[in-house]
Amino acid sequence: MTEETGNFKMTIEAFFEALASNQDFIYAVAYTNSFKKDVKRCYKQNLDLNELYNIVEKLAKIEELPPKNRVHSLTGFGEEQKGRRAEEEKSRRAEKQKGRKAEYLKP
């Protein structure tokens, strides 16, 4: 671990070592390439890997997560927005097709 402003900042190596050495887990943590890349991305963005470790540890031990980390529905693209986007795309395609037909008809 490296020291950073009084707090300890966990390195990527220390993160995976801590996960591998924990014998209290009920579930095994799968080190997929996408998981490794996500951890590396968190490290590069200066996010706290200790927090990530605590969440992964709770998931592996089947403990209850804090309310801010629980599974929730995603916001941003509701059904009405999906429908509107699909309609916009249809109208764009139709306009594009009309333009192509007009070009073929020109003498």
PDB file of N, CA and C in Angstrom:
ATOM      1  N   MET A   1       0.832  -1.180   0.000  1.00  0.00           N
ATOM      2  CA  MET A   1       0.000   0.000   0.000  1.00  0.00           C
ATOM      3  C   MET A   1       0.877   1.244   0.000  1.00  0.00           C
ATOM      4  N   THR A   2       0.373   2.259  -0.649  1.00  0.00           N
ATOM      5  CA  THR A   2       1.096   3.518  -0.655  1.00  0.00           C
ATOM      6  C   THR A   2       0.369   4.508   0.235  1.00  0.00           C
ATOM      7  N   GLU A   3       1.127   5.377   0.875  1.00  0.00           N
ATOM      8  CA  GLU A   3       0.503   6.345   1.767  1.00  0.00           C
ATOM      9  C   GLU A   3       0.176   7.598   0.982  1.00  0.00           C
ATOM     10  N   GLU A   4      -1.027   8.119   1.179  1.00  0.00           N
ATOM     11  CA  GLU A   4      -1.452   9.312   0.470  1.00  0.00           C
ATOM     12  C   GLU A   4      -2.244  10.197   1.421  1.00  0.00           C
ATOM     13  N   THR A   5      -1.694  11.321   1.784  1.00  0.00           N
ATOM     14  CA  THR A   5      -2.305  12.315   2.662  1.00  0.00           C
ATOM     15  C   THR A   5      -2.913  11.724   3.929  1.00  0.00           C
ATOM     16  N   GLY A   6      -2.174  10.920   4.616  1.00  0.00           N
ATOM     17  CA  GLY A   6      -2.642  10.375   5.888  1.00  0.00           C
ATOM     18  C   GLY A   6      -3.496   9.126   5.750  1.00  0.00           C
ATOM     19  N   ASN A   7      -4.179   8.950   4.649  1.00  0.00           N
ATOM     20  CA  ASN A   7      -4.981   7.757   4.415  1.00  0.00           C
ATOM     21  C   ASN A   7      -4.163   6.773   3.603  1.00  0.00           C
ATOM     22  N   PHE A   8      -4.516   5.507   3.696  1.00  0.00           N
ATOM     23  CA  PHE A   8      -3.831   4.513   2.886  1.00  0.00           C
ATOM     24  C   PHE A   8      -4.621   4.293   1.611  1.00  0.00           C
ATOM     25  N   LYS A   9      -3.939   4.428   0.494  1.00  0.00           N
ATOM     26  CA  LYS A   9      -4.556   4.182  -0.799  1.00  0.00           C
ATOM     27  C   LYS A   9      -4.147   2.784  -1.239  1.00  0.00           C
ATOM     28  N   MET A  10      -5.137   1.947  -1.474  1.00  0.00           N
ATOM     29  CA  MET A  10      -4.878   0.569  -1.855  1.00  0.00           C
ATOM     30  C   MET A  10      -4.434   0.513  -3.309  1.00  0.00           C
ATOM     31  N   THR A  11      -3.388  -0.249  -3.584  1.00  0.00           N
ATOM     32  CA  THR A  11      -2.939  -0.447  -4.960  1.00  0.00           C
ATOM     33  C   THR A  11      -3.731  -1.591  -5.586  1.00  0.00           C
ATOM     34  N   ILE A  12      -3.606  -1.725  -6.884  1.00  0.00           N
ATOM     35  CA  ILE A  12      -4.322  -2.791  -7.588  1.00  0.00           C
ATOM     36  C   ILE A  12      -3.844  -4.160  -7.111  1.00  0.00           C
ATOM     37  N   GLU A  13      -2.527  -4.295  -6.939  1.00  0.00           N
ATOM     38  CA  GLU A  13      -1.973  -5.570  -6.483  1.00  0.00           C
ATOM     39  C   GLU A  13      -2.482  -5.913  -5.087  1.00  0.00           C
ATOM     40  N   ALA A  14      -2.508  -4.912  -4.204  1.00  0.00           N
ATOM     41  CA  ALA A  14      -2.981  -5.136  -2.842  1.00  0.00           C
ATOM     42  C   ALA A  14      -4.462  -5.501  -2.837  1.00  0.00           C
ATOM     43  N   PHE A  15      -5.226  -4.909  -3.757  1.00  0.00           N
ATOM     44  CA  PHE A  15      -6.652  -5.207  -3.864  1.00  0.00           C
ATOM     45  C   PHE A  15      -6.873  -6.681  -4.179  1.00  0.00           C
ATOM     46  N   PHE A  16      -6.187  -7.189  -5.213  1.00  0.00           N
ATOM     47  CA  PHE A  16      -6.377  -8.579  -5.598  1.00  0.00           C
ATOM     48  C   PHE A  16      -5.778  -9.541  -4.567  1.00  0.00           C
ATOM     49  N   GLU A  17      -4.675  -9.158  -3.939  1.00  0.00           N
ATOM     50  CA  GLU A  17      -4.113  -9.990  -2.864  1.00  0.00           C
ATOM     51  C   GLU A  17      -5.080 -10.120  -1.708  1.00  0.00           C
ATOM     52  N   ALA A  18      -5.698  -9.018  -1.323  1.00  0.00           N
ATOM     53  CA  ALA A  18      -6.641  -9.038  -0.204  1.00  0.00           C
ATOM     54  C   ALA A  18      -7.843  -9.917  -0.524  1.00  0.00           C
ATOM     55  N   LEU A  19      -8.319  -9.847  -1.765  1.00  0.00           N
ATOM     56  CA  LEU A  19      -9.450 -10.699  -2.154  1.00  0.00           C
ATOM     57  C   LEU A  19      -9.050 -12.169  -2.157  1.00  0.00           C
ATOM     58  N   ALA A  20      -7.860 -12.465  -2.650  1.00  0.00           N
ATOM     59  CA  ALA A  20      -7.410 -13.856  -2.746  1.00  0.00           C
ATOM     60  C   ALA A  20      -7.131 -14.462  -1.373  1.00  0.00           C
ATOM     61  N   SER A  21      -6.677 -13.635  -0.428  1.00  0.00           N
ATOM     62  CA  SER A  21      -6.280 -14.179   0.870  1.00  0.00           C
ATOM     63  C   SER A  21      -7.439 -14.312   1.859  1.00  0.00           C
ATOM     64  N   ASN A  22      -8.608 -13.766   1.521  1.00  0.00           N
ATOM     65  CA  ASN A  22      -9.737 -13.819   2.449  1.00  0.00           C
ATOM     66  C   ASN A  22     -10.387 -15.194   2.394  1.00  0.00           C
ATOM     67  N   GLN A  23     -10.399 -15.884   3.536  1.00  0.00           N
ATOM     68  CA  GLN A  23     -10.955 -17.237   3.618  1.00  0.00           C
ATOM     69  C   GLN A  23     -12.405 -17.251   4.090  1.00  0.00           C
ATOM     70  N   ASP A  24     -12.942 -16.098   4.452  1.00  0.00           N
ATOM     71  CA  ASP A  24     -14.295 -16.023   5.000  1.00  0.00           C
ATOM     72  C   ASP A  24     -15.375 -15.928   3.939  1.00  0.00           C
ATOM     73  N   PHE A  25     -14.987 -15.875   2.675  1.00  0.00           N
ATOM     74  CA  PHE A  25     -15.967 -15.704   1.612  1.00  0.00           C
ATOM     75  C   PHE A  25     -16.798 -16.969   1.429  1.00  0.00           C
ATOM     76  N   ILE A  26     -18.092 -16.785   1.226  1.00  0.00           N
ATOM     77  CA  ILE A  26     -18.974 -17.894   0.895  1.00  0.00           C
ATOM     78  C   ILE A  26     -18.915 -18.147  -0.613  1.00  0.00           C
ATOM     79  N   TYR A  27     -18.906 -17.051  -1.390  1.00  0.00           N
ATOM     80  CA  TYR A  27     -18.772 -17.146  -2.837  1.00  0.00           C
ATOM     81  C   TYR A  27     -17.333 -16.840  -3.238  1.00  0.00           C
ATOM     82  N   ALA A  28     -16.891 -17.459  -4.311  1.00  0.00           N
ATOM     83  CA  ALA A  28     -15.567 -17.149  -4.849  1.00  0.00           C
ATOM     84  C   ALA A  28     -15.695 -15.942  -5.773  1.00  0.00           C
ATOM     85  N   VAL A  29     -14.727 -15.069  -5.728  1.00  0.00           N
ATOM     86  CA  VAL A  29     -14.727 -13.890  -6.586  1.00  0.00           C
ATOM     87  C   VAL A  29     -14.062 -14.274  -7.904  1.00  0.00           C
ATOM     88  N   ALA A  30     -14.777 -14.071  -9.003  1.00  0.00           N
ATOM     89  CA  ALA A  30     -14.253 -14.406 -10.331  1.00  0.00           C
ATOM     90  C   ALA A  30     -13.482 -13.218 -10.873  1.00  0.00           C
ATOM     91  N   TYR A  31     -12.241 -13.448 -11.230  1.00  0.00           N
ATOM     92  CA  TYR A  31     -11.394 -12.389 -11.760  1.00  0.00           C
ATOM     93  C   TYR A  31     -11.475 -12.386 -13.280  1.00  0.00           C
ATOM     94  N   THR A  32     -12.591 -11.927 -13.800  1.00  0.00           N
ATOM     95  CA  THR A  32     -12.724 -11.857 -15.253  1.00  0.00           C
ATOM     96  C   THR A  32     -11.922 -10.664 -15.769  1.00  0.00           C
ATOM     97  N   ASN A  33     -11.653 -10.667 -17.058  1.00  0.00           N
ATOM     98  CA  ASN A  33     -10.907  -9.554 -17.645  1.00  0.00           C
ATOM     99  C   ASN A  33     -11.647  -8.235 -17.469  1.00  0.00           C
ATOM    100  N   SER A  34     -12.973  -8.269 -17.594  1.00  0.00           N
ATOM    101  CA  SER A  34     -13.729  -7.025 -17.439  1.00  0.00           C
ATOM    102  C   SER A  34     -13.658  -6.524 -15.995  1.00  0.00           C
ATOM    103  N   PHE A  35     -13.666  -7.438 -15.015  1.00  0.00           N
ATOM    104  CA  PHE A  35     -13.536  -7.039 -13.608  1.00  0.00           C
ATOM    105  C   PHE A  35     -12.163  -6.414 -13.366  1.00  0.00           C
ATOM    106  N   LYS A  36     -11.128  -7.036 -13.914  1.00  0.00           N
ATOM    107  CA  LYS A  36      -9.777  -6.490 -13.758  1.00  0.00           C
ATOM    108  C   LYS A  36      -9.665  -5.100 -14.386  1.00  0.00           C
ATOM    109  N   LYS A  37     -10.260  -4.940 -15.570  1.00  0.00           N
ATOM    110  CA  LYS A  37     -10.228  -3.641 -16.237  1.00  0.00           C
ATOM    111  C   LYS A  37     -11.004  -2.599 -15.447  1.00  0.00           C
ATOM    112  N   ASP A  38     -12.128  -3.004 -14.861  1.00  0.00           N
ATOM    113  CA  ASP A  38     -12.911  -2.074 -14.050  1.00  0.00           C
ATOM    114  C   ASP A  38     -12.133  -1.619 -12.821  1.00  0.00           C
ATOM    115  N   VAL A  39     -11.419  -2.549 -12.181  1.00  0.00           N
ATOM    116  CA  VAL A  39     -10.608  -2.195 -11.020  1.00  0.00           C
ATOM    117  C   VAL A  39      -9.497  -1.234 -11.437  1.00  0.00           C
ATOM    118  N   LYS A  40      -8.872  -1.528 -12.564  1.00  0.00           N
ATOM    119  CA  LYS A  40      -7.806  -0.660 -13.056  1.00  0.00           C
ATOM    120  C   LYS A  40      -8.339   0.733 -13.391  1.00  0.00           C
ATOM    121  N   ARG A  41      -9.540   0.792 -13.987  1.00  0.00           N
ATOM    122  CA  ARG A  41     -10.159   2.069 -14.313  1.00  0.00           C
ATOM    123  C   ARG A  41     -10.464   2.859 -13.038  1.00  0.00           C
ATOM    124  N   CYS A  42     -10.962   2.178 -12.020  1.00  0.00           N
ATOM    125  CA  CYS A  42     -11.233   2.844 -10.728  1.00  0.00           C
ATOM    126  C   CYS A  42      -9.950   3.400 -10.136  1.00  0.00           C
ATOM    127  N   TYR A  43      -8.874   2.638 -10.238  1.00  0.00           N
ATOM    128  CA  TYR A  43      -7.584   3.079  -9.698  1.00  0.00           C
ATOM    129  C   TYR A  43      -7.084   4.316 -10.445  1.00  0.00           C
ATOM    130  N   LYS A  44      -7.191   4.291 -11.779  1.00  0.00           N
ATOM    131  CA  LYS A  44      -6.723   5.422 -12.580  1.00  0.00           C
ATOM    132  C   LYS A  44      -7.549   6.678 -12.323  1.00  0.00           C
ATOM    133  N   GLN A  45      -8.832   6.510 -11.983  1.00  0.00           N
ATOM    134  CA  GLN A  45      -9.698   7.650 -11.703  1.00  0.00           C
ATOM    135  C   GLN A  45      -9.570   8.113 -10.254  1.00  0.00           C
ATOM    136  N   ASN A  46      -8.612   7.536  -9.535  1.00  0.00           N
ATOM    137  CA  ASN A  46      -8.360   7.874  -8.135  1.00  0.00           C
ATOM    138  C   ASN A  46      -9.542   7.578  -7.222  1.00  0.00           C
ATOM    139  N   LEU A  47     -10.346   6.590  -7.579  1.00  0.00           N
ATOM    140  CA  LEU A  47     -11.432   6.167  -6.709  1.00  0.00           C
ATOM    141  C   LEU A  47     -10.859   5.288  -5.609  1.00  0.00           C
ATOM    142  N   ASP A  48     -11.554   5.212  -4.512  1.00  0.00           N
ATOM    143  CA  ASP A  48     -11.068   4.486  -3.352  1.00  0.00           C
ATOM    144  C   ASP A  48     -11.276   2.977  -3.533  1.00  0.00           C
ATOM    145  N   LEU A  49     -10.193   2.230  -3.716  1.00  0.00           N
ATOM    146  CA  LEU A  49     -10.306   0.782  -3.878  1.00  0.00           C
ATOM    147  C   LEU A  49     -10.690   0.102  -2.574  1.00  0.00           C
ATOM    148  N   ASN A  50     -10.448   0.762  -1.439  1.00  0.00           N
ATOM    149  CA  ASN A  50     -10.884   0.201  -0.157  1.00  0.00           C
ATOM    150  C   ASN A  50     -12.405   0.090  -0.122  1.00  0.00           C
ATOM    151  N   GLU A  51     -13.087   1.102  -0.655  1.00  0.00           N
ATOM    152  CA  GLU A  51     -14.547   1.064  -0.717  1.00  0.00           C
ATOM    153  C   GLU A  51     -15.015  -0.065  -1.618  1.00  0.00           C
ATOM    154  N   LEU A  52     -14.388  -0.196  -2.780  1.00  0.00           N
ATOM    155  CA  LEU A  52     -14.737  -1.271  -3.708  1.00  0.00           C
ATOM    156  C   LEU A  52     -14.497  -2.629  -3.060  1.00  0.00           C
ATOM    157  N   TYR A  53     -13.369  -2.765  -2.353  1.00  0.00           N
ATOM    158  CA  TYR A  53     -13.067  -4.017  -1.672  1.00  0.00           C
ATOM    159  C   TYR A  53     -14.155  -4.347  -0.647  1.00  0.00           C
ATOM    160  N   ASN A  54     -14.585  -3.349   0.117  1.00  0.00           N
ATOM    161  CA  ASN A  54     -15.617  -3.583   1.133  1.00  0.00           C
ATOM    162  C   ASN A  54     -16.923  -4.056   0.507  1.00  0.00           C
ATOM    163  N   ILE A  55     -17.286  -3.491  -0.645  1.00  0.00           N
ATOM    164  CA  ILE A  55     -18.518  -3.904  -1.327  1.00  0.00           C
ATOM    165  C   ILE A  55     -18.378  -5.328  -1.860  1.00  0.00           C
ATOM    166  N   VAL A  56     -17.251  -5.637  -2.510  1.00  0.00           N
ATOM    167  CA  VAL A  56     -17.037  -6.994  -3.037  1.00  0.00           C
ATOM    168  C   VAL A  56     -17.016  -7.999  -1.892  1.00  0.00           C
ATOM    169  N   GLU A  57     -16.399  -7.614  -0.782  1.00  0.00           N
ATOM    170  CA  GLU A  57     -16.339  -8.486   0.390  1.00  0.00           C
ATOM    171  C   GLU A  57     -17.736  -8.774   0.927  1.00  0.00           C
ATOM    172  N   LYS A  58     -18.582  -7.755   1.004  1.00  0.00           N
ATOM    173  CA  LYS A  58     -19.952  -7.957   1.493  1.00  0.00           C
ATOM    174  C   LYS A  58     -20.743  -8.848   0.546  1.00  0.00           C
ATOM    175  N   LEU A  59     -20.551  -8.672  -0.749  1.00  0.00           N
ATOM    176  CA  LEU A  59     -21.242  -9.528  -1.714  1.00  0.00           C
ATOM    177  C   LEU A  59     -20.785 -10.974  -1.592  1.00  0.00           C
ATOM    178  N   ALA A  60     -19.485 -11.189  -1.420  1.00  0.00           N
ATOM    179  CA  ALA A  60     -18.945 -12.553  -1.330  1.00  0.00           C
ATOM    180  C   ALA A  60     -19.350 -13.238  -0.032  1.00  0.00           C
ATOM    181  N   LYS A  61     -19.601 -12.454   1.001  1.00  0.00           N
ATOM    182  CA  LYS A  61     -20.009 -13.021   2.292  1.00  0.00           C
ATOM    183  C   LYS A  61     -21.529 -13.049   2.467  1.00  0.00           C
ATOM    184  N   ILE A  62     -22.263 -12.622   1.448  1.00  0.00           N
ATOM    185  CA  ILE A  62     -23.725 -12.541   1.457  1.00  0.00           C
ATOM    186  C   ILE A  62     -24.201 -11.681   2.633  1.00  0.00           C
ATOM    187  N   GLU A  63     -23.598 -10.531   2.787  1.00  0.00           N
ATOM    188  CA  GLU A  63     -24.034  -9.566   3.793  1.00  0.00           C
ATOM    189  C   GLU A  63     -24.904  -8.520   3.115  1.00  0.00           C
ATOM    190  N   GLU A  64     -25.668  -7.802   3.928  1.00  0.00           N
ATOM    191  CA  GLU A  64     -26.537  -6.768   3.388  1.00  0.00           C
ATOM    192  C   GLU A  64     -25.713  -5.544   2.992  1.00  0.00           C
ATOM    193  N   LEU A  65     -26.019  -4.996   1.815  1.00  0.00           N
ATOM    194  CA  LEU A  65     -25.312  -3.815   1.330  1.00  0.00           C
ATOM    195  C   LEU A  65     -25.936  -2.545   1.898  1.00  0.00           C
ATOM    196  N   PRO A  66     -25.150  -1.476   2.018  1.00  0.00           N
ATOM    197  CA  PRO A  66     -25.720  -0.193   2.421  1.00  0.00           C
ATOM    198  C   PRO A  66     -26.741   0.269   1.381  1.00  0.00           C
ATOM    199  N   PRO A  67     -27.689   1.116   1.764  1.00  0.00           N
ATOM    200  CA  PRO A  67     -28.739   1.532   0.818  1.00  0.00           C
ATOM    201  C   PRO A  67     -28.208   2.152  -0.476  1.00  0.00           C
ATOM    202  N   LYS A  68     -27.095   2.892  -0.407  1.00  0.00           N
ATOM    203  CA  LYS A  68     -26.602   3.525  -1.638  1.00  0.00           C
ATOM    204  C   LYS A  68     -25.995   2.523  -2.615  1.00  0.00           C
ATOM    205  N   ASN A  69     -25.701   1.300  -2.176  1.00  0.00           N
ATOM    206  CA  ASN A  69     -25.087   0.290  -3.031  1.00  0.00           C
ATOM    207  C   ASN A  69     -26.032  -0.844  -3.399  1.00  0.00           C
ATOM    208  N   ARG A  70     -27.289  -0.740  -3.021  1.00  0.00           N
ATOM    209  CA  ARG A  70     -28.237  -1.806  -3.343  1.00  0.00           C
ATOM    210  C   ARG A  70     -28.624  -1.762  -4.815  1.00  0.00           C
ATOM    211  N   VAL A  71     -29.153  -2.865  -5.294  1.00  0.00           N
ATOM    212  CA  VAL A  71     -29.620  -2.958  -6.667  1.00  0.00           C
ATOM    213  C   VAL A  71     -30.805  -2.014  -6.827  1.00  0.00           C
ATOM    214  N   HIS A  72     -30.806  -1.236  -7.895  1.00  0.00           N
ATOM    215  CA  HIS A  72     -31.875  -0.280  -8.141  1.00  0.00           C
ATOM    216  C   HIS A  72     -32.113  -0.190  -9.645  1.00  0.00           C
ATOM    217  N   SER A  73     -33.280   0.321  -9.986  1.00  0.00           N
ATOM    218  CA  SER A  73     -33.570   0.461 -11.413  1.00  0.00           C
ATOM    219  C   SER A  73     -32.811   1.668 -11.945  1.00  0.00           C
ATOM    220  N   LEU A  74     -32.360   1.558 -13.171  1.00  0.00           N
ATOM    221  CA  LEU A  74     -31.602   2.629 -13.788  1.00  0.00           C
ATOM    222  C   LEU A  74     -32.551   3.710 -14.274  1.00  0.00           C
ATOM    223  N   THR A  75     -32.098   4.940 -14.247  1.00  0.00           N
ATOM    224  CA  THR A  75     -32.917   6.049 -14.707  1.00  0.00           C
ATOM    225  C   THR A  75     -32.281   6.655 -15.940  1.00  0.00           C
ATOM    226  N   GLY A  76     -33.065   7.417 -16.674  1.00  0.00           N
ATOM    227  CA  GLY A  76     -32.504   8.113 -17.821  1.00  0.00           C
ATOM    228  C   GLY A  76     -33.185   7.747 -19.123  1.00  0.00           C
ATOM    229  N   PHE A  77     -33.397   6.479 -19.383  1.00  0.00           N
ATOM    230  CA  PHE A  77     -34.033   6.071 -20.624  1.00  0.00           C
ATOM    231  C   PHE A  77     -35.269   5.251 -20.305  1.00  0.00           C
ATOM    232  N   GLY A  78     -36.369   5.936 -20.043  1.00  0.00           N
ATOM    233  CA  GLY A  78     -37.633   5.268 -19.776  1.00  0.00           C
ATOM    234  C   GLY A  78     -38.262   4.782 -21.066  1.00  0.00           C
ATOM    235  N   GLU A  79     -39.363   4.088 -20.938  1.00  0.00           N
ATOM    236  CA  GLU A  79     -40.036   3.540 -22.118  1.00  0.00           C
ATOM    237  C   GLU A  79     -40.491   4.644 -23.067  1.00  0.00           C
ATOM    238  N   GLU A  80     -40.949   5.785 -22.502  1.00  0.00           N
ATOM    239  CA  GLU A  80     -41.400   6.866 -23.372  1.00  0.00           C
ATOM    240  C   GLU A  80     -40.242   7.440 -24.174  1.00  0.00           C
ATOM    241  N   GLN A  81     -39.060   7.486 -23.592  1.00  0.00           N
ATOM    242  CA  GLN A  81     -37.899   7.996 -24.315  1.00  0.00           C
ATOM    243  C   GLN A  81     -37.435   7.007 -25.376  1.00  0.00           C
ATOM    244  N   LYS A  82     -37.498   5.715 -25.056  1.00  0.00           N
ATOM    245  CA  LYS A  82     -37.108   4.707 -26.044  1.00  0.00           C
ATOM    246  C   LYS A  82     -38.027   4.781 -27.254  1.00  0.00           C
ATOM    247  N   GLY A  83     -39.343   4.924 -27.005  1.00  0.00           N
ATOM    248  CA  GLY A  83     -40.311   5.007 -28.091  1.00  0.00           C
ATOM    249  C   GLY A  83     -40.097   6.243 -28.939  1.00  0.00           C
ATOM    250  N   ARG A  84     -39.821   7.367 -28.282  1.00  0.00           N
ATOM    251  CA  ARG A  84     -39.592   8.622 -28.995  1.00  0.00           C
ATOM    252  C   ARG A  84     -38.348   8.512 -29.867  1.00  0.00           C
ATOM    253  N   ARG A  85     -37.300   7.921 -29.343  1.00  0.00           N
ATOM    254  CA  ARG A  85     -36.064   7.768 -30.119  1.00  0.00           C
ATOM    255  C   ARG A  85     -36.269   6.850 -31.319  1.00  0.00           C
ATOM    256  N   ALA A  86     -37.040   5.805 -31.134  1.00  0.00           N
ATOM    257  CA  ALA A  86     -37.301   4.890 -32.244  1.00  0.00           C
ATOM    258  C   ALA A  86     -38.084   5.606 -33.339  1.00  0.00           C
ATOM    259  N   GLU A  87     -39.066   6.426 -32.944  1.00  0.00           N
ATOM    260  CA  GLU A  87     -39.852   7.172 -33.929  1.00  0.00           C
ATOM    261  C   GLU A  87     -38.979   8.179 -34.666  1.00  0.00           C
ATOM    262  N   GLU A  88     -38.091   8.862 -33.942  1.00  0.00           N
ATOM    263  CA  GLU A  88     -37.184   9.821 -34.579  1.00  0.00           C
ATOM    264  C   GLU A  88     -36.283   9.119 -35.587  1.00  0.00           C
ATOM    265  N   GLU A  89     -35.787   7.950 -35.220  1.00  0.00           N
ATOM    266  CA  GLU A  89     -34.913   7.196 -36.126  1.00  0.00           C
ATOM    267  C   GLU A  89     -35.673   6.761 -37.375  1.00  0.00           C
ATOM    268  N   LYS A  90     -36.940   6.342 -37.220  1.00  0.00           N
ATOM    269  CA  LYS A  90     -37.757   5.949 -38.366  1.00  0.00           C
ATOM    270  C   LYS A  90     -37.965   7.118 -39.306  1.00  0.00           C
ATOM    271  N   SER A  91     -38.257   8.296 -38.725  1.00  0.00           N
ATOM    272  CA  SER A  91     -38.501   9.461 -39.578  1.00  0.00           C
ATOM    273  C   SER A  91     -37.214   9.892 -40.285  1.00  0.00           C
ATOM    274  N   ARG A  92     -36.066   9.795 -39.611  1.00  0.00           N
ATOM    275  CA  ARG A  92     -34.785  10.121 -40.255  1.00  0.00           C
ATOM    276  C   ARG A  92     -34.515   9.193 -41.432  1.00  0.00           C
ATOM    277  N   ARG A  93     -34.778   7.909 -41.236  1.00  0.00           N
ATOM    278  CA  ARG A  93     -34.560   6.937 -42.323  1.00  0.00           C
ATOM    279  C   ARG A  93     -35.486   7.204 -43.491  1.00  0.00           C
ATOM    280  N   ALA A  94     -36.743   7.559 -43.184  1.00  0.00           N
ATOM    281  CA  ALA A  94     -37.707   7.833 -44.248  1.00  0.00           C
ATOM    282  C   ALA A  94     -37.287   9.058 -45.051  1.00  0.00           C
ATOM    283  N   GLU A  95     -36.828  10.115 -44.358  1.00  0.00           N
ATOM    284  CA  GLU A  95     -36.366  11.324 -45.041  1.00  0.00           C
ATOM    285  C   GLU A  95     -35.154  11.021 -45.919  1.00  0.00           C
ATOM    286  N   LYS A  96     -34.258  10.213 -45.402  1.00  0.00           N
ATOM    287  CA  LYS A  96     -33.058   9.845 -46.154  1.00  0.00           C
ATOM    288  C   LYS A  96     -33.446   9.071 -47.417  1.00  0.00           C
ATOM    289  N   GLN A  97     -34.412   8.158 -47.271  1.00  0.00           N
ATOM    290  CA  GLN A  97     -34.867   7.345 -48.397  1.00  0.00           C
ATOM    291  C   GLN A  97     -35.544   8.219 -49.450  1.00  0.00           C
ATOM    292  N   LYS A  98     -36.340   9.201 -48.995  1.00  0.00           N
ATOM    293  CA  LYS A  98     -36.998  10.115 -49.939  1.00  0.00           C
ATOM    294  C   LYS A  98     -35.959  10.881 -50.748  1.00  0.00           C
ATOM    295  N   GLY A  99     -34.905  11.329 -50.087  1.00  0.00           N
ATOM    296  CA  GLY A  99     -33.850  12.063 -50.776  1.00  0.00           C
ATOM    297  C   GLY A  99     -33.172  11.211 -51.825  1.00  0.00           C
ATOM    298  N   ARG A 100     -32.975   9.949 -51.537  1.00  0.00           N
ATOM    299  CA  ARG A 100     -32.344   9.042 -52.508  1.00  0.00           C
ATOM    300  C   ARG A 100     -33.232   8.828 -53.717  1.00  0.00           C
ATOM    301  N   LYS A 101     -34.541   8.672 -53.491  1.00  0.00           N
ATOM    302  CA  LYS A 101     -35.470   8.463 -54.610  1.00  0.00           C
ATOM    303  C   LYS A 101     -35.507   9.701 -55.500  1.00  0.00           C
ATOM    304  N   ALA A 102     -35.485  10.868 -54.872  1.00  0.00           N
ATOM    305  CA  ALA A 102     -35.530  12.108 -55.650  1.00  0.00           C
ATOM    306  C   ALA A 102     -34.292  12.231 -56.518  1.00  0.00           C
ATOM    307  N   GLU A 103     -33.140  11.809 -56.049  1.00  0.00           N
ATOM    308  CA  GLU A 103     -31.905  11.890 -56.825  1.00  0.00           C
ATOM    309  C   GLU A 103     -31.981  10.994 -58.061  1.00  0.00           C
ATOM    310  N   TYR A 104     -32.599   9.824 -57.929  1.00  0.00           N
ATOM    311  CA  TYR A 104     -32.699   8.907 -59.058  1.00  0.00           C
ATOM    312  C   TYR A 104     -33.653   9.440 -60.131  1.00  0.00           C
ATOM    313  N   LEU A 105     -34.629  10.225 -59.735  1.00  0.00           N
ATOM    314  CA  LEU A 105     -35.623  10.720 -60.677  1.00  0.00           C
ATOM    315  C   LEU A 105     -35.158  11.937 -61.465  1.00  0.00           C
ATOM    316  N   LYS A 106     -34.082  12.595 -61.027  1.00  0.00           N
ATOM    317  CA  LYS A 106     -33.608  13.786 -61.724  1.00  0.00           C
ATOM    318  C   LYS A 106     -33.062  13.408 -63.095  1.00  0.00           C
ATOM    319  N   PRO A 107     -33.391  14.243 -64.137  1.00  0.00           N
ATOM    320  CA  PRO A 107     -32.888  13.922 -65.486  1.00  0.00           C
ATOM    321  C   PRO A 107     -31.428  14.229 -65.664  1.00  0.00           C
TER     322      PRO A 107
END
